[in-house]
């Protein structure tokens, strides 16, 4: 992933976003012969995030990971609209970051609406909280997206169990299993 970790946010402020992305893309092409999925961070308010997505796609990136930090205090509708607009430019990987390090609390209703966006392909679940992790799984299942949206774990306190535990959630009175 390029342009998402804390040390990479400042590249935007000094005009290095595109040069860093271009260099990382060039490096990825010589790093291995295996096919790679190259992920880019999309930050800022909607116009900035959309522009960043367009730049990334032009450079060959495959998916975007939106940072929602610029939207703190926004309504669920505003955040979903933001994600939908960015997803029109690049497939998205959602990132549920724990609130203690800058993320925000997201409920199952938000997760359902996010997973229902057609161009969402994955969610990295890293709230480091079992109940919030379950909210993501409930939302994905409620959206009927468990076959389309891949769930990744970033829960440092529970990685192995996240990887091996099936989550069974009821949808319309019938059990649906997601992993």
Foldseek 3Di string as FASTA:
>chain_A
DAQPDPVNVCCVVVVNLLVRLLVVLVCVVPVDPDDDQAEHEQEDAQVRSLVSLQSNVVSPHAEYEYDCLNVVVPDLVRVLVSLLSSLVRHQYEYEQAAVVVRGDQDFLCSLLSNLLRPRHQEYEDANLDVRSVVSNVSSCVQNVNLVRYHYHYPNPVQRVVVVPDWDWDDDPNDTDTHD
